[in-house]
Amino acid sequence: MSVGRPCEFDPQHALDVAMRVFWQRGYDGTSLGDLLTAMDLSKSSLYQAFGGKAELFQRCLEHYRDTFSGRMRAALDQAPSGLAYIESILSGVAEGTAEPMGRAACLLINTASEFGQRDPQIAQVVGRSLERFEDLFYAAICRAQAEKAIPKEADARSLSFFLATSLGGLKGMARAGASPEKIRTVVQVIMNSLR
């Protein structure tokens, strides 16, 4: 009796490919055919490995969160200062406009805009994911306060929300076609507001 064919593909690579398709086209703008073509999978292989489109999308959101929050955490650990880290993350939006996905904004913000609150499960994944990025900014602000680069009396939690929101706004500007120079100008305004 057959127990099904073993996976002959790299599930992590397939997930990364699917994430990029959703990131560029959105959930509603991505068909199952788009995913099968991009991932180079049969329908049965996709369903066996990831479930349906909705389950795959949720996995992609979590993959996006884990990938980018992991990179941001590593950058914070290696940054010369809390303030330098914040500036590098925000300025990275301007630098990223030259890359293929650099103008795709943020998958989480895109999803929040597309879904709103119509799907409570997706809204919960987005909300918790955004909190993780906010927590990274909070750690950077606390570090900058300990380094006396940001006033100690400043509300670190409010500033972290401000920075997470600003990052989303900068990515939205990039998606709308703002030049790297314009994005850098806004970054400087944000940085000046922290000191």
N, C-alpha and C. Protein backbone atom coordinates (compact mmCIF):
# COMPACT_ATOMS: atom_id res chain seq x y z
N MET A 1 0.85 -1.19 0.00
CA MET A 1 0.00 0.00 0.00
C MET A 1 0.88 1.24 0.00
N SER A 2 0.58 2.20 -0.87
CA SER A 2 1.39 3.41 -1.00
C SER A 2 1.03 4.40 0.09
N VAL A 3 2.03 5.04 0.65
CA VAL A 3 1.79 6.08 1.66
C VAL A 3 2.02 7.46 1.07
N GLY A 4 2.08 7.55 -0.25
CA GLY A 4 2.29 8.84 -0.89
C GLY A 4 3.76 9.05 -1.20
N ARG A 5 3.99 9.87 -2.22
CA ARG A 5 5.37 10.15 -2.60
C ARG A 5 6.04 11.04 -1.58
N PRO A 6 7.32 10.80 -1.31
CA PRO A 6 8.03 11.70 -0.39
C PRO A 6 8.22 13.07 -1.04
N CYS A 7 8.39 14.08 -0.22
CA CYS A 7 8.63 15.43 -0.73
C CYS A 7 9.92 15.44 -1.54
N GLU A 8 9.83 15.94 -2.78
CA GLU A 8 11.01 16.02 -3.63
C GLU A 8 11.41 17.47 -3.85
N PHE A 9 11.04 18.33 -2.93
CA PHE A 9 11.36 19.75 -3.05
C PHE A 9 11.74 20.27 -1.67
N ASP A 10 12.34 21.43 -1.66
CA ASP A 10 12.75 22.06 -0.40
C ASP A 10 11.59 22.90 0.11
N PRO A 11 10.90 22.46 1.15
CA PRO A 11 9.73 23.19 1.64
C PRO A 11 10.05 24.63 2.06
N GLN A 12 11.24 24.85 2.61
CA GLN A 12 11.61 26.20 3.04
C GLN A 12 11.77 27.13 1.84
N HIS A 13 12.38 26.61 0.77
CA HIS A 13 12.54 27.40 -0.45
C HIS A 13 11.17 27.69 -1.07
N ALA A 14 10.31 26.67 -1.10
CA ALA A 14 8.97 26.85 -1.66
C ALA A 14 8.19 27.89 -0.86
N LEU A 15 8.34 27.87 0.45
CA LEU A 15 7.66 28.85 1.31
C LEU A 15 8.17 30.26 1.02
N ASP A 16 9.48 30.38 0.82
CA ASP A 16 10.07 31.68 0.51
C ASP A 16 9.56 32.21 -0.83
N VAL A 17 9.43 31.34 -1.80
CA VAL A 17 8.92 31.73 -3.11
C VAL A 17 7.46 32.18 -2.99
N ALA A 18 6.66 31.41 -2.27
CA ALA A 18 5.24 31.77 -2.08
C ALA A 18 5.12 33.10 -1.35
N MET A 19 5.95 33.32 -0.34
CA MET A 19 5.92 34.58 0.41
C MET A 19 6.14 35.75 -0.54
N ARG A 20 7.09 35.62 -1.46
CA ARG A 20 7.39 36.72 -2.38
C ARG A 20 6.24 36.97 -3.36
N VAL A 21 5.56 35.91 -3.76
CA VAL A 21 4.40 36.08 -4.65
C VAL A 21 3.30 36.85 -3.92
N PHE A 22 2.97 36.42 -2.71
CA PHE A 22 1.95 37.11 -1.92
C PHE A 22 2.37 38.56 -1.64
N TRP A 23 3.64 38.75 -1.36
CA TRP A 23 4.19 40.07 -1.04
C TRP A 23 4.00 41.03 -2.21
N GLN A 24 4.22 40.53 -3.42
CA GLN A 24 4.09 41.39 -4.60
C GLN A 24 2.64 41.60 -5.03
N ARG A 25 1.81 40.57 -4.89
CA ARG A 25 0.46 40.61 -5.46
C ARG A 25 -0.66 40.72 -4.45
N GLY A 26 -0.36 40.46 -3.19
CA GLY A 26 -1.43 40.42 -2.19
C GLY A 26 -2.12 39.07 -2.20
N TYR A 27 -2.97 38.85 -1.20
CA TYR A 27 -3.67 37.57 -1.09
C TYR A 27 -4.71 37.42 -2.20
N ASP A 28 -5.57 38.42 -2.34
CA ASP A 28 -6.64 38.33 -3.33
C ASP A 28 -6.10 38.36 -4.76
N GLY A 29 -4.97 39.02 -4.97
CA GLY A 29 -4.39 39.13 -6.29
C GLY A 29 -3.55 37.92 -6.70
N THR A 30 -3.42 36.95 -5.80
CA THR A 30 -2.63 35.75 -6.07
C THR A 30 -3.55 34.56 -6.24
N SER A 31 -3.48 33.93 -7.39
CA SER A 31 -4.30 32.73 -7.62
C SER A 31 -3.51 31.49 -7.22
N LEU A 32 -4.24 30.40 -7.07
CA LEU A 32 -3.58 29.13 -6.78
C LEU A 32 -2.63 28.77 -7.92
N GLY A 33 -3.04 29.07 -9.15
CA GLY A 33 -2.19 28.82 -10.31
C GLY A 33 -0.89 29.61 -10.24
N ASP A 34 -0.97 30.87 -9.80
CA ASP A 34 0.24 31.69 -9.63
C ASP A 34 1.21 31.00 -8.67
N LEU A 35 0.68 30.51 -7.58
CA LEU A 35 1.51 29.86 -6.57
C LEU A 35 2.13 28.58 -7.10
N LEU A 36 1.32 27.75 -7.76
CA LEU A 36 1.82 26.48 -8.28
C LEU A 36 2.94 26.71 -9.30
N THR A 37 2.76 27.72 -10.16
CA THR A 37 3.77 28.01 -11.16
C THR A 37 5.06 28.51 -10.51
N ALA A 38 4.93 29.47 -9.59
CA ALA A 38 6.11 30.06 -8.95
C ALA A 38 6.85 29.04 -8.09
N MET A 39 6.10 28.21 -7.38
CA MET A 39 6.70 27.23 -6.49
C MET A 39 7.13 25.95 -7.22
N ASP A 40 6.69 25.81 -8.47
CA ASP A 40 6.98 24.63 -9.28
C ASP A 40 6.49 23.36 -8.59
N LEU A 41 5.22 23.43 -8.15
CA LEU A 41 4.62 22.30 -7.45
C LEU A 41 3.32 21.90 -8.12
N SER A 42 2.94 20.65 -7.92
CA SER A 42 1.60 20.21 -8.32
C SER A 42 0.63 20.63 -7.22
N LYS A 43 -0.64 20.65 -7.56
CA LYS A 43 -1.65 21.03 -6.57
C LYS A 43 -1.62 20.08 -5.38
N SER A 44 -1.46 18.79 -5.65
CA SER A 44 -1.46 17.80 -4.56
C SER A 44 -0.25 18.00 -3.65
N SER A 45 0.92 18.34 -4.24
CA SER A 45 2.12 18.57 -3.42
C SER A 45 1.95 19.80 -2.53
N LEU A 46 1.35 20.86 -3.10
CA LEU A 46 1.14 22.07 -2.31
C LEU A 46 0.21 21.78 -1.14
N TYR A 47 -0.91 21.09 -1.43
CA TYR A 47 -1.87 20.80 -0.35
C TYR A 47 -1.27 19.86 0.68
N GLN A 48 -0.48 18.91 0.22
CA GLN A 48 0.13 17.96 1.16
C GLN A 48 1.13 18.67 2.08
N ALA A 49 1.90 19.59 1.52
CA ALA A 49 2.95 20.24 2.31
C ALA A 49 2.45 21.43 3.13
N PHE A 50 1.48 22.18 2.59
CA PHE A 50 1.11 23.45 3.22
C PHE A 50 -0.38 23.61 3.52
N GLY A 51 -1.22 22.69 3.07
CA GLY A 51 -2.65 22.92 3.18
C GLY A 51 -3.11 23.78 2.01
N GLY A 52 -4.22 24.46 2.15
CA GLY A 52 -4.74 25.29 1.08
C GLY A 52 -4.08 26.66 1.03
N LYS A 53 -4.63 27.51 0.17
CA LYS A 53 -4.07 28.85 -0.03
C LYS A 53 -4.06 29.66 1.28
N ALA A 54 -5.14 29.58 2.04
CA ALA A 54 -5.23 30.36 3.28
C ALA A 54 -4.17 29.92 4.29
N GLU A 55 -3.99 28.60 4.42
CA GLU A 55 -2.99 28.09 5.36
C GLU A 55 -1.57 28.47 4.90
N LEU A 56 -1.35 28.38 3.59
CA LEU A 56 -0.05 28.76 3.05
C LEU A 56 0.22 30.24 3.30
N PHE A 57 -0.79 31.07 3.12
CA PHE A 57 -0.63 32.51 3.34
C PHE A 57 -0.24 32.80 4.79
N GLN A 58 -0.90 32.14 5.73
CA GLN A 58 -0.56 32.35 7.14
C GLN A 58 0.86 31.90 7.42
N ARG A 59 1.27 30.78 6.85
CA ARG A 59 2.66 30.33 7.02
C ARG A 59 3.63 31.35 6.43
N CYS A 60 3.26 31.96 5.30
CA CYS A 60 4.11 32.97 4.67
C CYS A 60 4.24 34.21 5.56
N LEU A 61 3.16 34.62 6.19
CA LEU A 61 3.21 35.76 7.11
C LEU A 61 4.17 35.47 8.26
N GLU A 62 4.05 34.27 8.81
CA GLU A 62 4.93 33.89 9.92
C GLU A 62 6.38 33.78 9.47
N HIS A 63 6.59 33.28 8.24
CA HIS A 63 7.94 33.17 7.67
C HIS A 63 8.54 34.56 7.47
N TYR A 64 7.75 35.48 6.97
CA TYR A 64 8.19 36.87 6.78
C TYR A 64 8.61 37.47 8.13
N ARG A 65 7.74 37.32 9.13
CA ARG A 65 8.02 37.84 10.47
C ARG A 65 9.31 37.25 11.03
N ASP A 66 9.44 35.94 10.96
CA ASP A 66 10.60 35.28 11.55
C ASP A 66 11.89 35.65 10.82
N THR A 67 11.81 35.72 9.48
CA THR A 67 12.99 36.05 8.68
C THR A 67 13.48 37.46 8.99
N PHE A 68 12.58 38.43 8.90
CA PHE A 68 13.00 39.82 9.03
C PHE A 68 13.24 40.24 10.48
N SER A 69 12.48 39.69 11.42
CA SER A 69 12.77 40.03 12.81
C SER A 69 14.09 39.39 13.24
N GLY A 70 14.40 38.22 12.69
CA GLY A 70 15.70 37.59 12.97
C GLY A 70 16.86 38.42 12.46
N ARG A 71 16.71 38.95 11.24
CA ARG A 71 17.76 39.81 10.70
C ARG A 71 17.89 41.10 11.51
N MET A 72 16.75 41.65 11.91
CA MET A 72 16.79 42.89 12.70
C MET A 72 17.42 42.66 14.07
N ARG A 73 17.14 41.52 14.68
CA ARG A 73 17.73 41.18 15.99
C ARG A 73 19.24 41.04 15.86
N ALA A 74 19.69 40.36 14.80
CA ALA A 74 21.13 40.19 14.59
C ALA A 74 21.79 41.55 14.36
N ALA A 75 21.13 42.43 13.60
CA ALA A 75 21.67 43.76 13.35
C ALA A 75 21.76 44.57 14.64
N LEU A 76 20.77 44.43 15.51
CA LEU A 76 20.79 45.15 16.79
C LEU A 76 21.95 44.65 17.65
N ASP A 77 22.15 43.35 17.67
CA ASP A 77 23.25 42.78 18.47
C ASP A 77 24.62 43.26 17.99
N GLN A 78 24.73 43.54 16.69
CA GLN A 78 26.02 43.94 16.12
C GLN A 78 26.17 45.45 15.98
N ALA A 79 25.11 46.20 16.22
CA ALA A 79 25.15 47.66 16.00
C ALA A 79 26.07 48.34 17.00
N PRO A 80 26.78 49.40 16.57
CA PRO A 80 27.67 50.11 17.49
C PRO A 80 26.91 50.87 18.58
N SER A 81 25.64 51.21 18.32
CA SER A 81 24.83 51.91 19.32
C SER A 81 23.36 51.72 18.99
N GLY A 82 22.51 52.00 19.97
CA GLY A 82 21.07 51.89 19.76
C GLY A 82 20.59 52.86 18.70
N LEU A 83 21.09 54.08 18.74
CA LEU A 83 20.68 55.10 17.78
C LEU A 83 21.16 54.75 16.37
N ALA A 84 22.38 54.22 16.25
CA ALA A 84 22.90 53.82 14.94
C ALA A 84 22.05 52.70 14.35
N TYR A 85 21.59 51.79 15.20
CA TYR A 85 20.73 50.70 14.74
C TYR A 85 19.43 51.25 14.19
N ILE A 86 18.79 52.15 14.94
CA ILE A 86 17.51 52.71 14.50
C ILE A 86 17.68 53.40 13.15
N GLU A 87 18.73 54.20 13.03
CA GLU A 87 18.95 54.92 11.78
C GLU A 87 19.23 53.95 10.62
N SER A 88 19.97 52.89 10.89
CA SER A 88 20.29 51.94 9.81
C SER A 88 19.04 51.20 9.34
N ILE A 89 18.14 50.86 10.26
CA ILE A 89 16.91 50.17 9.88
C ILE A 89 16.04 51.09 9.03
N LEU A 90 15.86 52.33 9.47
CA LEU A 90 15.03 53.27 8.72
C LEU A 90 15.66 53.63 7.38
N SER A 91 16.96 53.87 7.38
CA SER A 91 17.66 54.22 6.13
C SER A 91 17.69 53.06 5.15
N GLY A 92 17.61 51.86 5.68
CA GLY A 92 17.60 50.68 4.82
C GLY A 92 16.46 50.68 3.82
N VAL A 93 15.37 51.40 4.14
CA VAL A 93 14.25 51.49 3.20
C VAL A 93 14.70 52.21 1.93
N ALA A 94 15.46 53.31 2.11
CA ALA A 94 15.96 54.06 0.95
C ALA A 94 16.93 53.21 0.14
N GLU A 95 17.82 52.51 0.84
CA GLU A 95 18.81 51.68 0.15
C GLU A 95 18.13 50.53 -0.59
N GLY A 96 17.05 50.02 -0.01
CA GLY A 96 16.37 48.86 -0.58
C GLY A 96 15.59 49.14 -1.84
N THR A 97 15.36 50.42 -2.17
CA THR A 97 14.57 50.73 -3.36
C THR A 97 15.25 50.25 -4.65
N ALA A 98 16.54 50.00 -4.60
CA ALA A 98 17.26 49.52 -5.78
C ALA A 98 17.11 48.01 -5.96
N GLU A 99 16.59 47.31 -4.95
CA GLU A 99 16.45 45.86 -5.01
C GLU A 99 15.08 45.48 -5.57
N PRO A 100 14.96 44.28 -6.14
CA PRO A 100 13.69 43.87 -6.76
C PRO A 100 12.48 43.96 -5.80
N MET A 101 12.68 43.58 -4.54
CA MET A 101 11.56 43.61 -3.59
C MET A 101 11.56 44.89 -2.76
N GLY A 102 12.48 45.78 -3.03
CA GLY A 102 12.64 46.97 -2.20
C GLY A 102 11.47 47.93 -2.22
N ARG A 103 10.66 47.86 -3.27
CA ARG A 103 9.49 48.73 -3.35
C ARG A 103 8.19 47.98 -3.08
N ALA A 104 8.31 46.80 -2.52
CA ALA A 104 7.12 45.99 -2.25
C ALA A 104 6.49 46.31 -0.90
N ALA A 105 7.01 47.33 -0.22
CA ALA A 105 6.53 47.72 1.12
C ALA A 105 6.73 46.56 2.10
N CYS A 106 5.84 46.45 3.06
CA CYS A 106 5.95 45.44 4.12
C CYS A 106 4.80 44.46 3.96
N LEU A 107 5.08 43.18 3.91
CA LEU A 107 4.02 42.19 3.73
C LEU A 107 2.97 42.31 4.84
N LEU A 108 3.39 42.59 6.06
CA LEU A 108 2.43 42.68 7.17
C LEU A 108 1.52 43.90 7.02
N ILE A 109 2.11 45.05 6.68
CA ILE A 109 1.31 46.26 6.50
C ILE A 109 0.41 46.10 5.28
N ASN A 110 0.95 45.52 4.21
CA ASN A 110 0.12 45.26 3.02
C ASN A 110 -1.08 44.40 3.38
N THR A 111 -0.83 43.37 4.20
CA THR A 111 -1.90 42.45 4.59
C THR A 111 -2.92 43.15 5.47
N ALA A 112 -2.44 43.99 6.40
CA ALA A 112 -3.36 44.74 7.26
C ALA A 112 -4.25 45.64 6.40
N SER A 113 -3.67 46.26 5.37
CA SER A 113 -4.45 47.13 4.48
C SER A 113 -5.45 46.32 3.66
N GLU A 114 -5.03 45.15 3.19
CA GLU A 114 -5.90 44.33 2.35
C GLU A 114 -7.03 43.68 3.13
N PHE A 115 -6.72 43.17 4.32
CA PHE A 115 -7.69 42.40 5.09
C PHE A 115 -8.47 43.24 6.09
N GLY A 116 -7.83 44.30 6.64
CA GLY A 116 -8.47 44.99 7.76
C GLY A 116 -8.69 44.00 8.88
N GLN A 117 -9.92 43.92 9.37
CA GLN A 117 -10.26 42.97 10.44
C GLN A 117 -11.20 41.87 9.94
N ARG A 118 -11.27 41.69 8.60
CA ARG A 118 -12.26 40.73 8.06
C ARG A 118 -11.94 39.29 8.39
N ASP A 119 -10.68 38.99 8.68
CA ASP A 119 -10.29 37.64 9.06
C ASP A 119 -9.56 37.73 10.40
N PRO A 120 -10.25 37.38 11.49
CA PRO A 120 -9.65 37.53 12.82
C PRO A 120 -8.32 36.78 12.99
N GLN A 121 -8.20 35.62 12.36
CA GLN A 121 -6.97 34.83 12.50
C GLN A 121 -5.79 35.55 11.84
N ILE A 122 -6.01 36.08 10.63
CA ILE A 122 -4.95 36.82 9.93
C ILE A 122 -4.64 38.10 10.70
N ALA A 123 -5.68 38.78 11.18
CA ALA A 123 -5.47 40.01 11.95
C ALA A 123 -4.62 39.75 13.19
N GLN A 124 -4.84 38.60 13.83
CA GLN A 124 -4.06 38.24 15.01
C GLN A 124 -2.59 37.98 14.66
N VAL A 125 -2.36 37.27 13.56
CA VAL A 125 -0.98 37.00 13.13
C VAL A 125 -0.27 38.32 12.81
N VAL A 126 -0.96 39.21 12.08
CA VAL A 126 -0.37 40.50 11.72
C VAL A 126 -0.08 41.31 12.98
N GLY A 127 -1.05 41.39 13.90
CA GLY A 127 -0.87 42.17 15.12
C GLY A 127 0.29 41.68 15.97
N ARG A 128 0.37 40.38 16.16
CA ARG A 128 1.47 39.82 16.96
C ARG A 128 2.82 40.00 16.27
N SER A 129 2.81 39.90 14.95
CA SER A 129 4.05 40.07 14.20
C SER A 129 4.56 41.51 14.29
N LEU A 130 3.65 42.46 14.15
CA LEU A 130 4.04 43.87 14.26
C LEU A 130 4.56 44.18 15.65
N GLU A 131 3.98 43.54 16.66
CA GLU A 131 4.47 43.73 18.03
C GLU A 131 5.92 43.26 18.17
N ARG A 132 6.28 42.22 17.45
CA ARG A 132 7.66 41.73 17.54
C ARG A 132 8.64 42.79 17.01
N PHE A 133 8.28 43.46 15.90
CA PHE A 133 9.13 44.52 15.36
C PHE A 133 9.16 45.72 16.32
N GLU A 134 8.02 46.00 16.91
CA GLU A 134 7.96 47.08 17.90
C GLU A 134 8.87 46.77 19.08
N ASP A 135 8.90 45.52 19.52
CA ASP A 135 9.76 45.11 20.63
C ASP A 135 11.25 45.30 20.31
N LEU A 136 11.61 45.08 19.05
CA LEU A 136 13.01 45.30 18.65
C LEU A 136 13.36 46.78 18.74
N PHE A 137 12.46 47.64 18.31
CA PHE A 137 12.70 49.07 18.44
C PHE A 137 12.74 49.48 19.92
N TYR A 138 11.91 48.85 20.72
CA TYR A 138 11.91 49.14 22.16
C TYR A 138 13.28 48.82 22.77
N ALA A 139 13.83 47.67 22.40
CA ALA A 139 15.16 47.29 22.91
C ALA A 139 16.21 48.29 22.45
N ALA A 140 16.10 48.75 21.21
CA ALA A 140 17.07 49.73 20.69
C ALA A 140 16.94 51.08 21.41
N ILE A 141 15.71 51.48 21.69
CA ILE A 141 15.50 52.75 22.40
C ILE A 141 16.04 52.67 23.82
N CYS A 142 15.75 51.57 24.50
CA CYS A 142 16.28 51.41 25.86
C CYS A 142 17.80 51.44 25.85
N ARG A 143 18.39 50.82 24.86
CA ARG A 143 19.86 50.85 24.74
C ARG A 143 20.34 52.28 24.49
N ALA A 144 19.66 52.99 23.59
CA ALA A 144 20.05 54.37 23.29
C ALA A 144 19.87 55.26 24.52
N GLN A 145 18.87 54.98 25.33
CA GLN A 145 18.69 55.75 26.56
C GLN A 145 19.82 55.47 27.55
N ALA A 146 20.22 54.21 27.63
CA ALA A 146 21.34 53.86 28.51
C ALA A 146 22.64 54.49 28.02
N GLU A 147 22.72 54.70 26.70
CA GLU A 147 23.90 55.34 26.09
C GLU A 147 23.80 56.87 26.08
N LYS A 148 22.70 57.37 26.67
CA LYS A 148 22.44 58.82 26.78
C LYS A 148 22.26 59.51 25.43
N ALA A 149 21.83 58.74 24.42
CA ALA A 149 21.59 59.31 23.09
C ALA A 149 20.12 59.73 22.93
N ILE A 150 19.24 59.14 23.73
CA ILE A 150 17.82 59.50 23.78
C ILE A 150 17.51 59.85 25.23
N PRO A 151 16.78 60.94 25.48
CA PRO A 151 16.49 61.33 26.86
C PRO A 151 15.87 60.20 27.67
N LYS A 152 16.36 60.03 28.90
CA LYS A 152 15.90 58.95 29.77
C LYS A 152 14.41 59.05 30.08
N GLU A 153 13.91 60.31 30.11
CA GLU A 153 12.50 60.51 30.48
C GLU A 153 11.54 60.22 29.32
N ALA A 154 12.07 60.01 28.13
CA ALA A 154 11.20 59.70 26.98
C ALA A 154 10.53 58.35 27.19
N ASP A 155 9.29 58.24 26.77
CA ASP A 155 8.51 57.01 26.91
C ASP A 155 8.97 56.02 25.84
N ALA A 156 9.77 55.04 26.23
CA ALA A 156 10.37 54.10 25.28
C ALA A 156 9.32 53.29 24.53
N ARG A 157 8.24 52.93 25.21
CA ARG A 157 7.21 52.12 24.56
C ARG A 157 6.49 52.94 23.48
N SER A 158 6.18 54.20 23.79
CA SER A 158 5.53 55.05 22.78
C SER A 158 6.46 55.31 21.60
N LEU A 159 7.74 55.53 21.89
CA LEU A 159 8.70 55.76 20.82
C LEU A 159 8.86 54.52 19.94
N SER A 160 8.80 53.34 20.54
CA SER A 160 8.94 52.12 19.75
C SER A 160 7.76 51.96 18.80
N PHE A 161 6.57 52.33 19.26
CA PHE A 161 5.39 52.27 18.39
C PHE A 161 5.52 53.31 17.28
N PHE A 162 6.02 54.49 17.63
CA PHE A 162 6.25 55.55 16.65
C PHE A 162 7.23 55.08 15.57
N LEU A 163 8.30 54.41 15.97
CA LEU A 163 9.30 53.95 15.00
C LEU A 163 8.76 52.82 14.13
N ALA A 164 8.02 51.90 14.73
CA ALA A 164 7.44 50.80 13.94
C ALA A 164 6.45 51.37 12.91
N THR A 165 5.67 52.35 13.35
CA THR A 165 4.72 53.00 12.44
C THR A 165 5.46 53.77 11.35
N SER A 166 6.53 54.45 11.74
CA SER A 166 7.33 55.21 10.77
C SER A 166 7.96 54.29 9.74
N LEU A 167 8.44 53.13 10.19
CA LEU A 167 9.03 52.17 9.26
C LEU A 167 8.00 51.73 8.23
N GLY A 168 6.79 51.44 8.69
CA GLY A 168 5.73 51.06 7.76
C GLY A 168 5.41 52.18 6.78
N GLY A 169 5.39 53.42 7.29
CA GLY A 169 5.14 54.57 6.43
C GLY A 169 6.22 54.77 5.39
N LEU A 170 7.47 54.60 5.79
CA LEU A 170 8.58 54.73 4.85
C LEU A 170 8.50 53.67 3.75
N LYS A 171 8.13 52.46 4.14
CA LYS A 171 8.00 51.39 3.15
C LYS A 171 6.83 51.68 2.20
N GLY A 172 5.78 52.28 2.75
CA GLY A 172 4.66 52.68 1.90
C GLY A 172 5.08 53.76 0.91
N MET A 173 5.90 54.71 1.37
CA MET A 173 6.43 55.75 0.48
C MET A 173 7.26 55.13 -0.64
N ALA A 174 8.08 54.15 -0.28
CA ALA A 174 8.92 53.48 -1.28
C ALA A 174 8.05 52.78 -2.31
N ARG A 175 7.00 52.13 -1.84
CA ARG A 175 6.11 51.42 -2.76
C ARG A 175 5.43 52.39 -3.72
N ALA A 176 5.12 53.59 -3.21
CA ALA A 176 4.45 54.60 -4.03
C ALA A 176 5.41 55.29 -5.00
N GLY A 177 6.72 54.98 -4.89
CA GLY A 177 7.68 55.52 -5.85
C GLY A 177 8.53 56.66 -5.35
N ALA A 178 8.50 56.93 -4.03
CA ALA A 178 9.33 58.02 -3.49
C ALA A 178 10.80 57.73 -3.75
N SER A 179 11.55 58.79 -4.03
CA SER A 179 12.98 58.63 -4.31
C SER A 179 13.74 58.29 -3.03
N PRO A 180 14.90 57.65 -3.16
CA PRO A 180 15.73 57.38 -1.98
C PRO A 180 16.06 58.67 -1.23
N GLU A 181 16.29 59.77 -1.96
CA GLU A 181 16.64 61.05 -1.32
C GLU A 181 15.49 61.53 -0.45
N LYS A 182 14.26 61.43 -0.94
CA LYS A 182 13.11 61.88 -0.16
C LYS A 182 12.94 61.02 1.09
N ILE A 183 13.15 59.72 0.95
CA ILE A 183 13.04 58.82 2.10
C ILE A 183 14.11 59.16 3.13
N ARG A 184 15.34 59.42 2.68
CA ARG A 184 16.42 59.77 3.62
C ARG A 184 16.11 61.07 4.36
N THR A 185 15.48 62.02 3.68
CA THR A 185 15.11 63.28 4.33
C THR A 185 14.13 63.03 5.46
N VAL A 186 13.14 62.16 5.21
CA VAL A 186 12.16 61.84 6.25
C VAL A 186 12.85 61.10 7.39
N VAL A 187 13.78 60.21 7.08
CA VAL A 187 14.52 59.48 8.13
C VAL A 187 15.22 60.47 9.05
N GLN A 188 15.83 61.50 8.50
CA GLN A 188 16.51 62.49 9.33
C GLN A 188 15.55 63.23 10.25
N VAL A 189 14.36 63.53 9.75
CA VAL A 189 13.34 64.17 10.59
C VAL A 189 12.98 63.24 11.75
N ILE A 190 12.80 61.97 11.44
CA ILE A 190 12.47 60.99 12.50
C ILE A 190 13.60 60.91 13.52
N MET A 191 14.82 60.82 13.04
CA MET A 191 15.96 60.71 13.95
C MET A 191 16.09 61.96 14.82
N ASN A 192 15.89 63.13 14.24
CA ASN A 192 15.99 64.36 15.02
C ASN A 192 14.92 64.43 16.11
N SER A 193 13.78 63.80 15.85
CA SER A 193 12.69 63.85 16.84
C SER A 193 13.00 62.98 18.07
N LEU A 194 13.96 62.08 17.94
CA LEU A 194 14.30 61.17 19.05
C LEU A 194 15.26 61.81 20.05
N ARG A 195 16.03 62.78 19.61
CA ARG A 195 17.12 63.31 20.45
C ARG A 195 16.64 64.36 21.43
